[in-house]
Protein backbone atom coordinates (compact mmCIF):
# COMPACT_ATOMS: atom_id res chain seq x y z
CA MET A 1 95.81 106.21 91.42
CA ASP A 2 94.60 107.17 94.71
CA GLU A 3 95.47 110.98 94.98
CA ASP A 4 96.77 110.18 98.63
CA ILE A 5 99.37 107.98 97.62
CA GLU A 6 103.06 109.07 97.73
CA ILE A 7 105.58 107.90 95.49
CA VAL A 8 108.98 107.83 96.34
CA PHE A 9 111.63 107.08 93.53
CA LYS A 10 114.88 105.09 94.20
CA GLN A 11 117.65 106.52 91.45
CA SER A 12 117.55 102.99 90.11
CA ALA A 13 113.89 103.70 88.91
CA LEU A 14 115.04 106.14 86.27
CA LYS A 15 118.12 104.36 84.62
CA HIS A 16 116.43 103.13 81.56
CA GLY A 17 115.20 106.71 80.69
CA ILE A 18 111.76 106.64 82.30
CA THR A 19 111.14 109.91 84.06
CA GLU A 20 109.20 110.27 87.38
CA ALA A 21 106.30 111.99 85.40
CA ASP A 22 106.18 108.83 83.34
CA ILE A 23 105.91 106.77 86.22
CA ARG A 24 103.18 108.78 87.89
CA TRP A 25 101.21 108.53 84.75
CA ALA A 26 101.49 104.87 84.79
CA PHE A 27 99.94 104.75 87.92
CA ASN A 28 97.20 106.86 86.79
CA THR A 29 96.83 104.79 83.79
CA VAL A 30 97.23 101.28 85.24
CA GLU A 31 96.15 98.32 83.11
CA PHE A 32 97.56 95.62 85.22
CA ASP A 33 98.73 95.55 88.86
CA GLU A 34 100.19 92.16 90.43
CA LEU A 35 101.93 90.93 93.39
CA ILE A 36 105.03 89.32 91.71
CA HIS A 37 105.01 85.49 92.54
CA GLY A 38 107.37 84.54 95.27
CA PHE A 39 107.79 87.77 96.72
CA GLU A 40 105.71 89.24 99.84
CA ASN A 41 106.20 92.89 99.00
CA LYS A 42 107.20 93.19 95.21
CA TYR A 43 104.89 94.35 92.78
CA ARG A 44 104.63 94.83 88.76
CA LEU A 45 102.43 97.68 87.40
CA LEU A 46 101.71 98.13 83.68
CA GLY A 47 100.64 101.50 82.49
CA PHE A 48 101.39 104.20 80.05
CA ASN A 49 104.00 106.80 80.01
CA THR A 50 103.28 110.50 79.19
CA LYS A 51 103.53 109.67 75.32
CA GLY A 52 101.35 106.63 75.37
CA ASN A 53 103.85 103.69 75.55
CA MET A 54 103.34 101.04 77.82
CA ILE A 55 105.86 100.79 80.67
CA GLU A 56 106.51 98.25 83.46
CA VAL A 57 107.00 99.80 86.87
CA LEU A 58 108.24 97.51 89.86
CA TYR A 59 107.50 98.80 93.46
CA ASN A 60 107.07 97.89 96.91
CA LEU A 61 104.37 99.32 99.39
CA VAL A 62 105.61 101.28 102.39
CA ASN A 63 102.46 101.75 103.77
CA GLU A 64 98.91 102.25 102.86
CA HIS A 65 99.94 105.87 101.31
CA ARG A 66 103.37 105.45 100.17
CA VAL A 67 104.79 103.14 97.54
CA ASN A 68 108.61 102.88 96.91
CA VAL A 69 109.29 102.66 93.04
CA PHE A 70 112.73 100.76 92.34
CA HIS A 71 112.75 99.93 88.76
CA ALA A 72 110.65 101.16 85.53
CA PHE A 73 111.48 100.20 81.89
CA PRO A 74 109.53 99.91 78.43
CA CYS A 75 107.22 97.15 78.72
CA SER A 76 108.66 93.93 77.04
CA ASP A 77 106.95 91.99 74.11
CA ALA A 78 107.46 88.76 75.89
CA PHE A 79 105.72 89.91 78.94
CA LEU A 80 102.84 91.25 77.25
CA LYS A 81 102.37 87.79 75.44
CA SER A 82 102.49 85.86 78.42
CA LEU A 83 99.77 88.26 80.04
CA SER A 84 97.40 87.26 76.80
CA LYS A 85 98.17 83.39 77.35
CA GLN A 86 96.87 83.88 80.79
CA GLU A 87 93.68 85.28 79.89
């Protein structure tokens, strides 16, 4: 992640037990990052938490130096399988 990027956390981002540190680490260990189909400014990022487990992070771009994280949760097996089918 670009060190100039500020991450803003909505309280909803932390409701599944994912910490701010986990989310920051996911942005530093990005494996996949995409605009979610059907949305203008809703992105899904896959990265690792501080324990090495893959998590999904949903965010919006505020501007080129700031993102708004509104949801984070352990990565689902179903989503990982759907990615492998796309390749």
